[in-house]
């Protein structure tokens, strides 16, 4: 049987289960497959069915690279050997323009990358398929003509119902600089903090920006964590904040512990197996470290209630080399099937 003998429905069924990296190589072998990979309905089906592939992405010198790790077990020496490889992902090759693009920041959601560039552009990029989408500039009162974003704006990429992708932009209207006392004053006063931000949202379906009438009531960091289409942040005041791209609402959620009043403890947010939130908490006085994961989330009228369970508790000060973790740590819990591992 040749490729042309395969019924179209069966062909789509097979390709929808092919890993994304393999599918990108298949595009160049057949024009029909190339067109199919760009079809919106097929893309949604492929996201649901294809095997999930994990990559560690890093930004260095305005370029994105993928970092792969592997462990090989040696029977002869009864030990594991670690190896790694780095592959540069070229956004310039994916863009139609011959103009060089330097990436400043990257925000991700389910394999898609939202890139801000040195040239003040905003680009959504699928590094597996090479597809890109340049986002039209906002026409709000702060924007400069032809400029997609402002340097003091930050973003989150997510999706609502039926995987309708959107971009959240939030702009800090305050200028703290190195004034830590002023920043702390706003962290401690939600009424003051509520006046710090303006929010806009971009819808892929309409290709337009619009303002959102929401308030943060906390100082938000520049990067959040994406999970199941929504974005979560640990704010400067130590609160857990979420944005639901379906309802387009910000919501403050409960932490499973009482945070320190002096803000010197470490709180880092990540995900486990792309299904659960995970939270690292290290006390400033004892160095006791805890890792929490969400077990279930449910709606309580208008709010979402998270249920947490304690995955790990350890007194780091009793180890041979006591370590104080940073809130910028991105991945500290790995889960594969029924196995779990903690990377410290």
Protein backbone atom coordinates (compact mmCIF):
# COMPACT_ATOMS: atom_id res chain seq x y z
CA UNK A 1 0.00 0.00 0.00
CA UNK A 2 1.34 3.45 -0.95
CA UNK A 3 0.73 6.73 0.80
CA UNK A 4 -1.94 7.68 -1.75
CA UNK A 5 -3.88 4.49 -0.97
CA UNK A 6 -4.44 5.45 2.66
CA UNK A 7 -7.93 6.93 3.28
CA UNK A 8 -7.73 10.61 4.36
CA UNK A 9 -9.52 9.94 7.66
CA UNK A 10 -7.07 7.18 8.58
CA UNK A 11 -4.14 9.36 7.50
CA UNK A 12 -5.26 12.16 9.82
CA UNK A 13 -5.83 9.67 12.63
CA UNK A 14 -2.25 8.39 12.31
CA UNK A 15 -0.63 11.82 12.00
CA UNK A 16 -2.56 13.18 14.99
CA UNK A 17 -0.71 10.69 17.19
CA UNK A 18 2.79 11.43 15.85
CA UNK A 19 5.13 13.37 18.22
CA UNK A 20 5.37 17.06 17.35
CA UNK A 21 9.08 16.98 16.45
CA UNK A 22 8.55 14.03 14.09
CA UNK A 23 5.51 15.70 12.53
CA UNK A 24 7.57 18.81 11.74
CA UNK A 25 9.98 16.64 9.72
CA UNK A 26 7.06 15.01 7.89
CA UNK A 27 5.83 18.37 6.61
CA UNK A 28 8.63 18.63 4.07
CA UNK A 29 7.89 15.21 2.55
CA UNK A 30 4.32 15.87 1.44
CA UNK A 31 2.44 19.04 0.51
CA UNK A 32 -0.82 17.58 1.81
CA UNK A 33 0.74 16.82 5.20
CA UNK A 34 2.21 20.31 5.32
CA UNK A 35 -1.22 21.88 4.75
CA UNK A 36 -2.81 19.51 7.25
CA UNK A 37 -0.34 20.48 9.99
CA UNK A 38 -1.47 24.11 9.61
CA UNK A 39 -5.17 23.26 9.90
CA UNK A 40 -6.64 24.62 13.15
CA UNK A 41 -8.92 21.62 13.76
CA UNK A 42 -6.08 19.16 13.20
CA UNK A 43 -3.78 21.18 15.48
CA UNK A 44 -6.27 20.95 18.36
CA UNK A 45 -6.67 17.19 17.80
CA UNK A 46 -2.89 16.73 17.66
CA UNK A 47 -2.41 18.61 20.95
CA UNK A 48 -4.83 16.24 22.67
CA UNK A 49 -3.55 12.97 21.19
CA UNK A 50 0.17 13.25 20.45
CA UNK A 51 2.71 11.99 23.01
CA UNK A 52 3.98 14.78 25.24
CA UNK A 53 7.66 15.62 24.79
CA UNK A 54 9.52 17.52 27.51
CA UNK A 55 12.19 20.07 26.74
CA UNK A 56 14.12 22.47 28.91
CA UNK A 57 14.31 25.81 27.11
CA UNK A 58 16.84 28.49 27.92
CA UNK A 59 17.39 32.00 26.62
CA UNK A 60 20.98 33.02 26.04
CA UNK A 61 22.34 35.91 23.99
CA UNK A 62 18.89 36.65 22.51
CA UNK A 63 18.45 33.08 21.26
CA UNK A 64 16.34 30.17 22.49
CA UNK A 65 17.95 26.73 22.84
CA UNK A 66 16.52 23.38 23.90
CA UNK A 67 18.37 21.34 26.49
CA UNK A 68 17.85 17.57 26.64
CA UNK A 69 18.94 15.32 29.50
CA UNK A 70 19.22 11.54 29.45
CA UNK A 71 20.31 8.90 31.96
CA UNK A 72 21.88 5.66 30.77
CA UNK A 73 22.29 2.71 33.10
CA UNK A 74 25.52 0.77 32.76
CA UNK A 75 25.31 -2.92 33.60
CA UNK A 76 29.10 -3.28 33.85
CA UNK A 77 29.65 -0.59 36.48
CA UNK A 78 26.14 -0.68 37.97
CA UNK A 79 25.81 3.10 37.70
CA UNK A 80 23.96 5.79 35.77
CA UNK A 81 25.70 8.09 33.32
CA UNK A 82 24.15 11.48 32.58
CA UNK A 83 24.41 13.15 29.19
CA UNK A 84 22.98 16.33 27.73
CA UNK A 85 22.68 18.04 24.37
CA UNK A 86 21.87 21.62 23.40
CA UNK A 87 20.09 22.55 20.17
CA UNK A 88 19.62 26.15 19.08
CA UNK A 89 16.10 27.00 17.91
CA UNK A 90 16.14 29.65 15.19
CA UNK A 91 13.22 32.08 15.23
CA UNK A 92 14.74 34.06 12.36
CA UNK A 93 14.45 31.04 10.04
CA UNK A 94 10.72 30.78 10.84
CA UNK A 95 9.92 34.43 10.10
CA UNK A 96 9.19 35.58 6.57
CA UNK A 97 11.14 38.79 7.13
CA UNK A 98 14.88 38.76 6.44
CA UNK A 99 15.39 41.20 9.32
CA UNK A 100 17.29 39.69 12.25
CA UNK A 101 15.27 39.25 15.44
CA UNK A 102 16.81 39.31 18.93
CA UNK A 103 14.64 37.74 21.64
CA UNK A 104 14.40 39.53 24.99
CA UNK A 105 11.88 37.48 26.98
CA UNK A 106 9.90 34.27 26.48
CA UNK A 107 6.52 33.22 27.90
CA UNK A 108 5.16 29.75 27.17
CA UNK A 109 1.92 27.76 27.14
CA UNK A 110 1.59 24.13 25.98
CA UNK A 111 4.55 24.25 23.59
CA UNK A 112 3.84 27.72 22.18
CA UNK A 113 6.32 30.52 22.90
CA UNK A 114 5.39 34.17 23.16
CA UNK A 115 8.55 36.18 22.45
CA UNK A 116 9.25 39.85 23.01
CA UNK A 117 12.10 41.13 20.85
CA UNK A 118 14.76 43.81 20.94
CA UNK A 119 12.92 45.41 18.01
CA UNK A 120 9.78 45.92 20.18
CA UNK A 121 7.86 43.17 18.42
CA UNK A 122 5.61 40.48 19.85
CA UNK A 123 5.79 37.05 18.16
CA UNK A 124 4.04 33.76 18.94
CA UNK A 125 6.20 30.84 17.82
CA UNK A 126 5.77 27.09 17.65
CA UNK A 127 9.40 25.84 17.60
CA UNK A 128 8.32 22.29 16.67
CA UNK A 129 6.45 23.24 13.48
CA UNK A 130 8.25 26.51 12.77
CA UNK A 131 4.97 28.44 12.53
CA UNK A 132 4.90 32.04 13.74
CA UNK A 133 2.32 34.76 14.27
CA UNK A 134 3.27 38.40 14.62
CA UNK A 135 0.91 40.19 17.00
CA UNK A 136 -0.50 43.52 15.84
CA UNK A 137 0.37 46.49 18.06
CA UNK A 138 -2.11 47.72 20.63
CA UNK A 139 -3.69 51.08 19.85
CA UNK A 140 -4.10 52.17 23.47
CA UNK A 141 -3.10 55.62 24.62
CA UNK A 142 0.38 54.50 25.77
CA UNK A 143 1.48 52.70 22.63
CA UNK A 144 3.83 54.14 20.05
CA UNK A 145 2.86 53.75 16.37
CA UNK A 146 4.14 50.44 14.95
CA UNK A 147 5.40 49.20 18.34
CA UNK A 148 3.87 45.93 19.56
CA UNK A 149 4.65 46.43 23.24
CA UNK A 150 6.43 48.59 25.79
CA UNK A 151 9.51 47.44 27.67
CA UNK A 152 7.84 47.75 31.07
CA UNK A 153 4.89 45.60 29.96
CA UNK A 154 4.82 41.89 30.66
CA UNK A 155 2.66 39.08 29.32
CA UNK A 156 0.99 35.72 29.83
CA UNK A 157 -0.11 33.31 27.10
CA UNK A 158 -3.12 31.06 27.66
CA UNK A 159 -6.42 29.85 26.28
CA UNK A 160 -10.09 29.79 27.16
CA UNK A 161 -12.91 27.54 26.04
CA UNK A 162 -12.29 25.44 22.90
CA UNK A 163 -8.57 26.31 23.11
CA UNK A 164 -9.19 29.87 22.00
CA UNK A 165 -5.75 31.41 22.58
CA UNK A 166 -5.33 34.82 24.19
CA UNK A 167 -2.51 37.06 25.42
CA UNK A 168 -2.75 38.94 28.71
CA UNK A 169 -0.68 42.10 28.93
CA UNK A 170 -0.18 43.89 32.22
CA UNK A 171 1.62 47.17 32.58
CA UNK A 172 2.99 48.52 35.85
CA UNK A 173 2.15 52.21 36.01
CA UNK A 174 4.42 52.70 39.05
CA UNK A 175 8.20 53.07 38.90
CA UNK A 176 9.81 51.48 41.97
CA UNK A 177 13.36 51.31 40.63
CA UNK A 178 15.65 50.27 43.49
CA UNK A 179 13.35 51.75 46.14
CA UNK A 180 12.65 48.58 48.16
CA UNK A 181 10.81 50.54 50.88
CA UNK A 182 8.31 51.92 48.37
CA UNK A 183 7.83 48.48 46.83
CA UNK A 184 7.21 46.94 50.28
CA UNK A 185 4.72 49.69 51.11
CA UNK A 186 2.67 48.74 48.07
CA UNK A 187 3.03 45.02 48.83
CA UNK A 188 1.53 45.60 52.29
CA UNK A 189 -1.34 47.77 51.08
CA UNK A 190 -3.70 46.12 48.59
CA UNK A 191 -5.61 49.36 48.04
CA UNK A 192 -2.42 51.08 46.88
CA UNK A 193 -1.38 48.06 44.81
CA UNK A 194 -4.74 47.99 43.02
CA UNK A 195 -3.77 51.24 41.26
CA UNK A 196 -0.41 49.92 40.00
CA UNK A 197 -1.56 48.04 36.90
CA UNK A 198 -3.58 48.25 33.76
CA UNK A 199 -4.57 45.12 31.86
CA UNK A 200 -5.24 44.37 28.21
CA UNK A 201 -6.11 41.14 26.45
CA UNK A 202 -5.51 40.06 22.85
CA UNK A 203 -7.74 37.47 21.20
CA UNK A 204 -6.30 35.37 18.39
CA UNK A 205 -9.79 34.84 16.93
CA UNK A 206 -10.45 38.56 16.41
CA UNK A 207 -6.88 39.85 16.21
CA UNK A 208 -7.69 42.78 18.48
CA UNK A 209 -6.69 44.16 21.89
CA UNK A 210 -9.13 45.43 24.53
CA UNK A 211 -8.83 46.75 28.09
CA UNK A 212 -9.90 44.64 31.08
CA UNK A 213 -11.60 46.20 34.09
CA UNK A 214 -9.74 44.17 36.72
CA UNK A 215 -7.39 45.01 39.60
CA UNK A 216 -4.44 43.00 40.92
CA UNK A 217 -4.25 44.37 44.51
CA UNK A 218 -0.70 43.05 44.67
CA UNK A 219 2.67 43.58 43.00
CA UNK A 220 2.99 41.00 40.23
CA UNK A 221 6.26 39.43 39.00
CA UNK A 222 7.36 39.40 35.38
CA UNK A 223 6.79 35.67 34.80
CA UNK A 224 4.02 33.29 35.80
CA UNK A 225 3.42 29.55 35.50
CA UNK A 226 1.09 28.20 32.82
CA UNK A 227 -1.14 25.22 33.61
CA UNK A 228 -4.12 23.95 31.60
CA UNK A 229 -4.49 27.28 29.80
CA UNK A 230 -4.44 29.49 32.91
CA UNK A 231 -1.56 31.42 34.48
CA UNK A 232 -0.47 31.57 38.13
CA UNK A 233 1.91 33.91 39.95
CA UNK A 234 3.46 34.24 43.38
CA UNK A 235 3.21 37.99 43.96
CA UNK A 236 5.76 40.19 45.70
CA UNK A 237 3.56 40.07 48.79
CA UNK A 238 3.67 36.26 48.86
CA UNK A 239 0.13 35.68 47.56
CA UNK A 240 -0.93 33.10 44.97
CA UNK A 241 -2.71 34.83 42.11
CA UNK A 242 -4.37 33.19 39.08
CA UNK A 243 -5.80 34.45 35.80
CA UNK A 244 -8.55 32.42 34.14
CA UNK A 245 -8.48 33.00 30.37
CA UNK A 246 -12.08 31.74 30.02
CA UNK A 247 -13.67 34.14 32.51
CA UNK A 248 -10.90 36.75 32.12
CA UNK A 249 -10.72 37.23 35.89
CA UNK A 250 -7.89 37.54 38.38
CA UNK A 251 -8.34 35.52 41.55
CA UNK A 252 -6.41 35.35 44.81
CA UNK A 253 -5.98 31.77 46.04
CA UNK A 254 -5.04 30.30 49.40
CA UNK A 255 -1.54 29.04 50.17
CA UNK A 256 -1.17 25.85 52.25
CA UNK A 257 1.01 27.60 54.84
CA UNK A 258 1.32 30.87 56.72
CA UNK A 259 3.89 33.06 55.00
CA UNK A 260 6.52 35.03 56.89
CA UNK A 261 5.63 38.64 57.61
CA UNK A 262 9.12 39.85 56.74
CA UNK A 263 8.93 38.48 53.16
CA UNK A 264 12.35 36.84 53.54
CA UNK A 265 11.13 33.26 53.05
CA UNK A 266 11.43 31.54 49.68
CA UNK A 267 8.25 30.73 47.75
CA UNK A 268 8.63 29.26 44.26
CA UNK A 269 5.88 28.04 41.93
CA UNK A 270 6.07 25.32 39.27
CA UNK A 271 4.06 22.43 37.82
CA UNK A 272 4.18 18.65 38.19
CA UNK A 273 3.52 16.54 35.11
CA UNK A 274 1.60 19.46 33.54
CA UNK A 275 -1.38 18.46 35.66
CA UNK A 276 -0.75 19.97 39.10
CA UNK A 277 0.69 23.08 40.65
CA UNK A 278 3.71 22.52 42.86
CA UNK A 279 4.97 24.93 45.47
CA UNK A 280 8.37 25.16 47.17
CA UNK A 281 8.43 26.91 50.55
CA UNK A 282 11.58 27.46 52.59
CA UNK A 283 11.46 29.26 55.92
CA UNK A 284 13.99 32.01 56.54
CA UNK A 285 14.65 31.19 60.19
CA UNK A 286 15.06 27.38 60.17
CA UNK A 287 15.75 26.64 56.45
CA UNK A 288 13.05 23.97 56.70
CA UNK A 289 11.94 23.15 53.17
CA UNK A 290 8.50 21.95 52.10
CA UNK A 291 7.11 21.00 48.71
CA UNK A 292 3.36 21.05 48.21
CA UNK A 293 1.27 19.84 45.25
CA UNK A 294 -2.37 20.40 44.41
CA UNK A 295 -4.54 17.30 44.67
CA UNK A 296 -7.87 18.69 43.47
CA UNK A 297 -9.44 22.00 42.59
CA UNK A 298 -13.13 22.76 42.81
CA UNK A 299 -15.39 25.75 42.33
CA UNK A 300 -17.00 27.36 45.35
CA UNK A 301 -19.67 29.61 43.83
CA UNK A 302 -17.53 32.25 42.10
CA UNK A 303 -14.12 31.15 43.40
CA UNK A 304 -11.81 28.22 42.74
CA UNK A 305 -10.64 26.37 45.85
CA UNK A 306 -7.31 24.53 45.68
CA UNK A 307 -6.65 21.48 47.83
CA UNK A 308 -2.98 20.99 48.71
CA UNK A 309 -1.06 18.03 50.08
CA UNK A 310 2.42 18.03 51.56
CA UNK A 311 4.71 16.08 49.23
CA UNK A 312 8.01 16.61 51.06
CA UNK A 313 9.32 18.20 54.25
CA UNK A 314 13.03 18.31 55.07
CA UNK A 315 15.30 20.31 57.36
CA UNK A 316 18.01 21.51 54.98
CA UNK A 317 20.13 22.89 57.84
CA UNK A 318 20.93 19.30 58.90
CA UNK A 319 22.42 18.40 55.52
CA UNK A 320 26.17 18.48 54.94
CA UNK A 321 25.80 21.55 52.73
CA UNK A 322 22.83 23.68 53.80
CA UNK A 323 21.34 25.61 50.91
CA UNK A 324 19.00 28.57 50.66
CA UNK A 325 16.87 28.36 47.52
CA UNK A 326 15.86 31.25 45.30
CA UNK A 327 12.27 32.11 44.40
CA UNK A 328 13.37 32.10 40.76
CA UNK A 329 13.83 28.30 40.68
CA UNK A 330 11.61 27.02 37.88
CA UNK A 331 11.52 23.22 38.22
CA UNK A 332 11.96 21.28 41.45
CA UNK A 333 9.56 18.33 41.16
CA UNK A 334 9.50 15.73 38.39
CA UNK A 335 6.81 13.09 38.04
CA UNK A 336 6.78 10.21 35.60
CA UNK A 337 4.01 7.66 35.91
CA UNK A 338 3.88 6.54 39.53
CA UNK A 339 7.45 7.70 40.17
CA UNK A 340 8.34 11.08 41.63
CA UNK A 341 11.67 12.80 41.95
CA UNK A 342 12.73 15.94 43.73
CA UNK A 343 15.50 18.01 42.16
CA UNK A 344 17.23 20.15 44.81
